Amino acid sequence: MTSLHASILKTLWKSPQSLADLQRATPVSLPTLRKAIQELTSERWIRVVGQADANGGRPAMLFGIDDTRYLLVGVHIQLPGLRLITSDLNGQVMHEETLFERIRPTPNEVIEAIETYVSEIRSCYPDQQLVGLGIAAPGFTHPITGDIISVGRVPGWDDFPICQRLQNSLGIPAVIANDVDCMAFAEFHESGRSFTENFIFVGLDEGVKISMFLNGALYKGSFGNTGLIRTKFLHVPSLESQDHNLEEIITITGINRIFEELVGKLPPAEQDRYAELMALSHRKRLRRILQADHNEFPLCVTIMQQLRAVLAVVIANTIYILQPDHVVLGGMLGAMSPKAFADLRRGVYAYLPELFANHIDMQQSQFHSPNMSAVGAIYHLIDDLMFAE
């Protein structure tokens, strides 16, 4: 694919365009542009998707991405859990599957699960071509080699060349990025947010990470990933008397362990009110805890108070250091009720000088889906690999 082809695809990926629009966006002659459009149409990367509004003459054809031929697979390595999705070129999810919901699979088990999933997708969609694999992973990932450098909280997930292994076995390109960075990619693309301003995206999954978009680009740092929060560096006065460590209260697994421990200490009659929540998977349970105010569930209120105390310190410190224009809370935090979000925002503002508190724009993410990281991995694949000039 030439740089001109890539430029056309990038432009059309944002919105359908006429030939005249594409000519203004690409510095080539009209015959050269027509030839490139014909080639992309022939290969079914693009197609005519409509007509522009007529201004007295013949309406111009609108070209857009052809979503009928090519497929992409997105993978979110959750640990515990593995989420796999298949989408078209426009990012519309066509198939999804969840595995290992309560266990942490080994690297080889993940490789085997992805290979099996891809084989099934190829069988289910024989008339469409799978062109790439995007991976969202926790911890540190190498942006050049595609290796998982380290997932510190899970033994065995160090120095693992996952992209090379999958490219060799599947015969398609594979790219990797941190899972919270992928959440941010999904949020920006689905909501139409601009990368031109300085954003920080705060994502909660199996840990908290701050994705930093500075001067229009994701800041990755020397190890390909920045913004992972280590609670050993935090001081949260309101939680000094708690028996558990702060690391637990900012991970899905840790929050659920604390919740189960608290429920287990209740008299049997009081445990019954939590039976429905106890029956849910870790992710669904945390989503329920975040979604409502739960005055009828005192233990959920306790969990939310602890989580809010840690997040307020993390977010306020980040704002004070980076001074971003906007702060977006996503991942599992996108499920917070309006009251829970308002309480957290007040907690953040309480730590900030008035100069910052008066001007910072703090919002919840607009894109909410269990597939958020996997969708973001696909956007990352498209943006950084397939359409790279």
Protein backbone atom coordinates (compact mmCIF):
# COMPACT_ATOMS: atom_id res chain seq x y z
CA MET A 1 0.00 0.00 0.00
CA THR A 2 1.48 3.35 -1.05
CA SER A 3 1.59 6.49 1.06
CA LEU A 4 -1.12 7.99 -1.15
CA HIS A 5 -3.36 4.98 -0.58
CA ALA A 6 -2.76 5.27 3.16
CA SER A 7 -3.52 9.00 3.11
CA ILE A 8 -6.82 8.43 1.27
CA LEU A 9 -7.83 5.68 3.67
CA LYS A 10 -7.03 7.81 6.70
CA THR A 11 -9.14 10.65 5.33
CA LEU A 12 -12.09 8.41 4.49
CA TRP A 13 -11.87 6.61 7.81
CA LYS A 14 -12.88 9.87 9.50
CA SER A 15 -15.83 10.56 7.18
CA PRO A 16 -16.99 9.98 3.57
CA GLN A 17 -15.51 12.43 1.07
CA SER A 18 -16.09 13.48 -2.52
CA LEU A 19 -13.36 13.43 -5.15
CA ALA A 20 -13.01 17.20 -4.79
CA ASP A 21 -12.64 16.85 -0.98
CA LEU A 22 -9.94 14.20 -1.43
CA GLN A 23 -8.08 16.36 -3.94
CA ARG A 24 -7.94 19.19 -1.41
CA ALA A 25 -6.64 16.78 1.23
CA THR A 26 -3.93 15.13 -0.91
CA PRO A 27 -1.12 16.99 -2.72
CA VAL A 28 -1.31 15.03 -5.99
CA SER A 29 -2.71 15.62 -9.47
CA LEU A 30 -6.29 14.67 -10.26
CA PRO A 31 -5.31 11.79 -12.62
CA THR A 32 -3.00 10.32 -9.95
CA LEU A 33 -5.76 10.61 -7.34
CA ARG A 34 -8.33 9.00 -9.66
CA LYS A 35 -5.97 6.09 -10.31
CA ALA A 36 -5.39 5.54 -6.56
CA ILE A 37 -9.13 5.64 -5.86
CA GLN A 38 -9.74 3.12 -8.66
CA GLU A 39 -7.09 0.80 -7.20
CA LEU A 40 -8.52 1.03 -3.66
CA THR A 41 -12.03 0.45 -5.01
CA SER A 42 -10.88 -2.55 -7.03
CA GLU A 43 -9.26 -4.03 -3.91
CA ARG A 44 -12.48 -3.26 -1.96
CA TRP A 45 -10.82 -1.01 0.60
CA ILE A 46 -13.22 1.78 -0.33
CA ARG A 47 -16.55 2.12 -2.15
CA VAL A 48 -19.17 4.68 -3.10
CA VAL A 49 -21.35 5.18 -0.02
CA GLY A 50 -23.64 8.01 -1.13
CA GLN A 51 -23.91 11.35 -2.81
CA ALA A 52 -23.02 14.85 -1.67
CA ASP A 53 -25.71 17.51 -1.43
CA ALA A 54 -26.36 18.96 -4.88
CA ASN A 55 -25.81 22.67 -5.47
CA GLY A 56 -27.71 22.99 -8.72
CA GLY A 57 -25.60 20.48 -10.64
CA ARG A 58 -25.01 16.76 -10.65
CA PRO A 59 -24.36 15.54 -7.07
CA ALA A 60 -20.85 14.25 -6.47
CA MET A 61 -20.24 10.67 -5.37
CA LEU A 62 -19.09 10.17 -1.79
CA PHE A 63 -16.38 7.62 -1.17
CA GLY A 64 -16.08 5.80 2.16
CA ILE A 65 -14.48 2.76 3.76
CA ASP A 66 -15.75 -0.55 2.36
CA ASP A 67 -16.80 -2.56 5.42
CA THR A 68 -17.87 -5.67 3.53
CA ARG A 69 -14.59 -7.47 2.74
CA TYR A 70 -11.99 -7.11 5.48
CA LEU A 71 -12.07 -8.17 9.13
CA LEU A 72 -9.89 -7.36 12.13
CA VAL A 73 -9.54 -9.13 15.48
CA GLY A 74 -9.14 -7.27 18.75
CA VAL A 75 -7.81 -8.96 21.90
CA HIS A 76 -7.92 -7.70 25.48
CA ILE A 77 -5.64 -9.71 27.77
CA GLN A 78 -7.24 -9.01 31.15
CA LEU A 79 -5.61 -11.49 33.56
CA PRO A 80 -7.98 -12.79 34.80
CA GLY A 81 -10.00 -12.99 31.61
CA LEU A 82 -9.42 -12.82 27.88
CA ARG A 83 -11.77 -10.92 25.59
CA LEU A 84 -11.77 -11.42 21.83
CA ILE A 85 -13.76 -9.50 19.23
CA THR A 86 -14.03 -9.30 15.45
CA SER A 87 -14.91 -6.09 13.66
CA ASP A 88 -15.17 -4.62 10.19
CA LEU A 89 -12.94 -1.77 9.02
CA ASN A 90 -15.27 0.78 10.59
CA GLY A 91 -14.83 -0.76 14.04
CA GLN A 92 -18.31 -2.29 14.21
CA VAL A 93 -18.17 -5.41 16.40
CA MET A 94 -19.51 -8.48 14.59
CA HIS A 95 -18.50 -11.22 17.02
CA GLU A 96 -17.24 -11.41 20.60
CA GLU A 97 -16.11 -14.06 23.06
CA THR A 98 -14.93 -14.09 26.68
CA LEU A 99 -12.65 -16.76 28.17
CA PHE A 100 -10.83 -17.44 31.47
CA GLU A 101 -13.19 -15.15 33.42
CA ARG A 102 -11.99 -16.23 36.86
CA ILE A 103 -8.45 -17.42 36.15
CA ARG A 104 -5.17 -15.95 34.93
CA PRO A 105 -4.14 -17.91 31.83
CA THR A 106 -0.51 -18.53 30.98
CA PRO A 107 1.04 -16.90 27.90
CA ASN A 108 0.84 -20.14 25.95
CA GLU A 109 -2.82 -20.63 26.91
CA VAL A 110 -3.57 -17.15 25.57
CA ILE A 111 -1.70 -17.89 22.32
CA GLU A 112 -3.67 -21.11 21.86
CA ALA A 113 -6.99 -19.38 22.63
CA ILE A 114 -6.30 -16.61 20.09
CA GLU A 115 -5.25 -19.12 17.43
CA THR A 116 -8.44 -21.14 18.01
CA TYR A 117 -10.58 -17.99 17.87
CA VAL A 118 -9.00 -16.81 14.61
CA SER A 119 -9.54 -20.25 13.07
CA GLU A 120 -13.22 -20.10 14.06
CA ILE A 121 -13.63 -16.59 12.61
CA ARG A 122 -12.07 -17.63 9.33
CA SER A 123 -14.53 -20.53 9.16
CA CYS A 124 -17.53 -18.36 10.07
CA TYR A 125 -16.68 -15.64 7.53
CA PRO A 126 -15.16 -17.52 4.56
CA ASP A 127 -15.90 -14.72 2.09
CA GLN A 128 -14.08 -12.06 4.12
CA GLN A 129 -10.37 -11.61 4.70
CA LEU A 130 -8.79 -11.21 8.13
CA VAL A 131 -6.06 -8.59 7.76
CA GLY A 132 -4.71 -7.92 11.25
CA LEU A 133 -4.75 -8.48 14.98
CA GLY A 134 -4.73 -5.73 17.63
CA ILE A 135 -3.79 -6.61 21.21
CA ALA A 136 -4.49 -4.65 24.39
CA ALA A 137 -2.40 -5.86 27.31
CA PRO A 138 -1.74 -4.75 30.89
CA GLY A 139 1.68 -3.71 32.12
CA PHE A 140 4.61 -2.71 29.93
CA THR A 141 4.59 -3.42 26.20
CA HIS A 142 7.34 -2.70 23.68
CA PRO A 143 6.05 -0.44 20.90
CA ILE A 144 8.61 -1.63 18.33
CA THR A 145 9.08 -5.36 18.92
CA GLY A 146 5.53 -6.09 20.06
CA ASP A 147 6.76 -7.91 23.17
CA ILE A 148 5.03 -7.90 26.54
CA ILE A 149 7.91 -6.65 28.68
CA SER A 150 6.29 -7.26 32.06
CA VAL A 151 2.95 -7.65 33.81
CA GLY A 152 4.27 -7.21 37.32
CA ARG A 153 1.19 -8.48 39.14
CA VAL A 154 1.10 -11.82 37.27
CA PRO A 155 4.08 -14.24 37.43
CA GLY A 156 5.17 -15.68 34.11
CA TRP A 157 4.16 -12.71 31.98
CA ASP A 158 7.63 -11.28 31.34
CA ASP A 159 9.68 -10.90 28.16
CA PHE A 160 7.02 -12.57 26.01
CA PRO A 161 7.17 -11.99 22.19
CA ILE A 162 3.43 -12.31 21.72
CA CYS A 163 3.16 -10.40 18.44
CA GLN A 164 5.94 -12.37 16.76
CA ARG A 165 4.45 -15.67 17.93
CA LEU A 166 1.02 -14.77 16.54
CA GLN A 167 2.33 -13.33 13.29
CA ASN A 168 4.26 -16.55 12.68
CA SER A 169 1.31 -18.84 13.40
CA LEU A 170 -1.54 -16.78 11.88
CA GLY A 171 0.21 -15.11 8.96
CA ILE A 172 -1.26 -11.65 9.68
CA PRO A 173 0.22 -8.49 11.23
CA ALA A 174 -0.17 -8.08 15.01
CA VAL A 175 0.37 -4.91 17.05
CA ILE A 176 0.16 -4.32 20.78
CA ALA A 177 -0.49 -1.43 23.16
CA ASN A 178 -1.29 -0.99 26.83
CA ASP A 179 -4.93 -1.76 27.59
CA VAL A 180 -5.72 1.65 29.11
CA ASP A 181 -4.09 3.41 26.15
CA CYS A 182 -6.42 1.31 23.98
CA MET A 183 -9.40 2.48 26.05
CA ALA A 184 -8.32 6.04 25.31
CA PHE A 185 -8.02 5.33 21.57
CA ALA A 186 -11.56 3.91 21.60
CA GLU A 187 -12.92 6.87 23.54
CA PHE A 188 -11.39 9.44 21.22
CA HIS A 189 -12.52 7.69 18.05
CA GLU A 190 -16.04 6.82 19.21
CA SER A 191 -16.74 10.23 20.74
CA GLY A 192 -15.01 12.29 18.07
CA ARG A 193 -12.70 13.98 20.57
CA SER A 194 -9.70 15.82 19.19
CA PHE A 195 -6.10 14.83 19.92
CA THR A 196 -4.94 18.41 19.47
CA GLU A 197 -5.50 19.46 23.08
CA ASN A 198 -3.69 18.07 26.14
CA PHE A 199 -5.76 15.23 27.59
CA ILE A 200 -5.24 12.73 30.33
CA PHE A 201 -7.34 9.57 30.31
CA VAL A 202 -7.69 7.82 33.68
CA GLY A 203 -8.56 4.15 33.23
CA LEU A 204 -9.42 1.58 35.88
CA ASP A 205 -9.05 -2.09 35.03
CA GLU A 206 -6.65 -4.44 36.82
CA GLY A 207 -4.93 -1.31 38.12
CA VAL A 208 -5.08 2.39 37.33
CA LYS A 209 -3.15 4.00 34.51
CA ILE A 210 -2.97 7.58 33.26
CA SER A 211 -2.74 7.79 29.46
CA MET A 212 -1.26 11.15 28.50
CA PHE A 213 -2.01 12.77 25.14
CA LEU A 214 0.31 15.75 24.97
CA ASN A 215 0.73 18.07 22.00
CA GLY A 216 -1.48 15.84 19.87
CA ALA A 217 0.23 12.50 20.52
CA LEU A 218 0.28 9.71 23.09
CA TYR A 219 3.32 10.07 25.35
CA LYS A 220 4.86 6.59 25.72
CA GLY A 221 8.19 7.21 27.46
CA SER A 222 11.38 5.15 27.17
CA PHE A 223 9.71 1.80 27.98
CA GLY A 224 6.71 2.24 25.68
CA ASN A 225 4.28 2.92 28.50
CA THR A 226 3.85 5.64 31.10
CA GLY A 227 1.33 6.51 33.76
CA LEU A 228 1.03 3.22 35.63
CA ILE A 229 0.09 4.05 39.23
CA ARG A 230 2.07 2.52 42.07
CA THR A 231 0.24 2.93 45.36
CA LYS A 232 3.48 2.56 47.35
CA PHE A 233 4.15 6.18 46.36
CA LEU A 234 0.76 7.42 47.61
CA HIS A 235 -0.29 8.84 50.94
CA VAL A 236 -4.05 8.57 51.55
CA PRO A 237 -4.74 9.72 55.14
CA SER A 238 -8.35 8.52 55.23
CA LEU A 239 -7.28 4.90 54.55
CA GLU A 240 -4.37 4.61 56.98
CA SER A 241 -6.37 2.42 59.34
CA GLN A 242 -7.44 -0.12 56.66
CA ASP A 243 -6.12 -3.68 56.93
CA HIS A 244 -5.67 -4.20 53.17
CA ASN A 245 -3.06 -2.43 51.06
CA LEU A 246 -3.91 0.35 48.65
CA GLU A 247 -2.93 -1.74 45.62
CA GLU A 248 -6.01 -3.91 46.13
CA ILE A 249 -8.48 -1.04 46.07
CA ILE A 250 -7.43 0.00 42.54
CA THR A 251 -7.68 -3.40 40.86
CA ILE A 252 -10.79 -5.30 39.83
CA THR A 253 -9.54 -8.46 41.52
CA GLY A 254 -8.55 -6.61 44.70
CA ILE A 255 -11.83 -4.73 45.02
CA ASN A 256 -13.74 -7.98 44.65
CA ARG A 257 -11.55 -9.72 47.21
CA ILE A 258 -12.17 -6.92 49.72
CA PHE A 259 -15.90 -7.02 48.97
CA GLU A 260 -16.07 -10.81 49.46
CA GLU A 261 -14.11 -10.54 52.70
CA LEU A 262 -16.46 -7.88 54.05
CA VAL A 263 -19.53 -9.90 53.10
CA GLY A 264 -18.03 -13.00 54.73
CA LYS A 265 -17.74 -11.14 58.05
CA LEU A 266 -21.48 -10.34 58.14
CA PRO A 267 -24.02 -12.42 60.05
CA PRO A 268 -25.72 -14.97 57.71
CA ALA A 269 -28.99 -13.01 57.67
CA GLU A 270 -27.23 -9.88 56.42
CA GLN A 271 -25.20 -11.80 53.84
CA ASP A 272 -28.41 -12.73 52.03
CA ARG A 273 -28.94 -9.18 50.75
CA TYR A 274 -25.64 -9.46 48.85
CA ALA A 275 -26.37 -12.88 47.31
CA GLU A 276 -27.13 -11.49 43.85
CA LEU A 277 -23.91 -9.46 43.75
CA MET A 278 -21.86 -12.39 45.05
CA ALA A 279 -23.10 -14.56 42.16
CA LEU A 280 -21.77 -12.17 39.50
CA SER A 281 -18.38 -12.30 37.79
CA HIS A 282 -15.77 -9.85 39.07
CA ARG A 283 -16.26 -7.37 36.24
CA LYS A 284 -20.04 -7.43 36.31
CA ARG A 285 -20.03 -7.09 40.10
CA LEU A 286 -17.73 -4.05 40.06
CA ARG A 287 -19.85 -2.47 37.33
CA ARG A 288 -22.93 -2.90 39.55
CA ILE A 289 -21.09 -1.41 42.52
CA LEU A 290 -20.11 1.61 40.43
CA GLN A 291 -23.43 2.10 38.66
CA ALA A 292 -25.70 2.78 41.62
CA ASP A 293 -25.45 4.66 44.90
CA HIS A 294 -26.31 1.55 46.93
CA ASN A 295 -27.62 3.12 50.11
CA GLU A 296 -29.31 -0.25 50.64
CA PHE A 297 -25.89 -1.94 50.38
CA PRO A 298 -23.61 -0.38 53.04
CA LEU A 299 -20.61 -2.49 51.99
CA CYS A 300 -20.81 -1.10 48.45
CA VAL A 301 -20.78 2.40 49.90
CA THR A 302 -17.67 1.46 51.90
CA ILE A 303 -15.93 0.15 48.76
CA MET A 304 -16.78 3.31 46.83
CA GLN A 305 -15.45 5.55 49.61
CA GLN A 306 -12.13 3.70 49.61
CA LEU A 307 -11.81 3.75 45.82
CA ARG A 308 -12.70 7.44 45.66
CA ALA A 309 -10.10 8.31 48.31
CA VAL A 310 -7.27 6.72 46.30
CA LEU A 311 -8.42 8.01 42.91
CA ALA A 312 -8.77 11.58 44.18
CA VAL A 313 -5.11 11.60 45.26
CA VAL A 314 -3.94 10.02 41.98
CA ILE A 315 -5.91 12.34 39.71
CA ALA A 316 -5.17 15.52 41.66
CA ASN A 317 -1.42 14.80 41.65
CA THR A 318 -1.46 14.14 37.91
CA ILE A 319 -3.39 17.34 37.20
CA TYR A 320 -1.01 19.35 39.38
CA ILE A 321 2.07 17.98 37.59
CA LEU A 322 0.87 17.95 33.95
CA GLN A 323 -1.73 20.75 33.94
CA PRO A 324 -3.82 19.19 31.15
CA ASP A 325 -6.74 20.89 29.42
CA HIS A 326 -9.10 17.96 29.94
CA VAL A 327 -9.40 14.88 32.14
CA VAL A 328 -11.48 11.89 31.03
CA LEU A 329 -12.33 9.01 33.39
CA GLY A 330 -12.88 5.74 31.57
CA GLY A 331 -12.59 2.01 31.65
CA MET A 332 -14.64 0.74 34.56
CA LEU A 333 -14.88 4.33 35.83
CA GLY A 334 -17.20 5.07 32.91
CA ALA A 335 -19.84 3.01 34.77
CA MET A 336 -19.94 5.33 37.80
CA SER A 337 -23.32 6.82 38.66
CA PRO A 338 -23.67 10.60 38.29
CA LYS A 339 -23.53 10.95 42.08
CA ALA A 340 -20.41 8.79 42.39
CA PHE A 341 -18.68 10.80 39.66
CA ALA A 342 -19.69 14.11 41.27
CA ASP A 343 -18.34 12.90 44.64
CA LEU A 344 -15.03 11.90 43.04
CA ARG A 345 -14.73 15.19 41.19
CA ARG A 346 -15.29 17.11 44.44
CA GLY A 347 -12.61 14.97 46.07
CA VAL A 348 -10.14 15.83 43.31
CA TYR A 349 -10.93 19.55 43.45
CA ALA A 350 -10.44 19.54 47.23
CA TYR A 351 -6.73 18.73 46.70
CA LEU A 352 -6.13 21.30 43.96
CA PRO A 353 -5.28 24.99 44.22
CA GLU A 354 -8.20 27.15 43.08
CA LEU A 355 -6.32 28.15 39.93
CA PHE A 356 -6.41 24.53 38.70
CA ALA A 357 -9.75 23.54 40.19
CA ASN A 358 -11.51 26.47 38.51
CA HIS A 359 -10.26 25.67 35.03
CA ILE A 360 -9.84 21.92 34.69
CA ASP A 361 -12.46 20.14 32.57
CA MET A 362 -13.17 16.71 34.09
CA GLN A 363 -15.62 14.31 32.43
CA GLN A 364 -16.59 10.66 32.26
CA SER A 365 -15.95 8.76 29.04
CA GLN A 366 -18.74 8.72 26.49
CA PHE A 367 -17.95 5.24 25.15
CA HIS A 368 -19.04 2.46 27.50
CA SER A 369 -18.54 -1.16 26.52
CA PRO A 370 -16.97 -4.33 27.94
CA ASN A 371 -15.17 -4.42 24.58
CA MET A 372 -13.61 -0.99 25.05
CA SER A 373 -9.95 -2.09 25.19
CA ALA A 374 -10.39 -4.65 22.40
CA VAL A 375 -12.08 -2.04 20.18
CA GLY A 376 -9.28 0.40 20.99
CA ALA A 377 -6.72 -2.25 20.05
CA ILE A 378 -8.36 -2.47 16.63
CA TYR A 379 -8.29 1.31 16.21
CA HIS A 380 -4.63 1.26 17.20
CA LEU A 381 -3.99 -1.46 14.62
CA ILE A 382 -5.72 0.53 11.88
CA ASP A 383 -4.15 3.85 12.76
CA ASP A 384 -0.58 2.73 13.41
CA LEU A 385 -0.14 -0.18 11.03
CA MET A 386 -2.62 -0.55 8.21
CA PHE A 387 -2.95 3.12 7.34
CA ALA A 388 0.55 4.20 8.27
CA GLU A 389 2.19 6.30 5.58
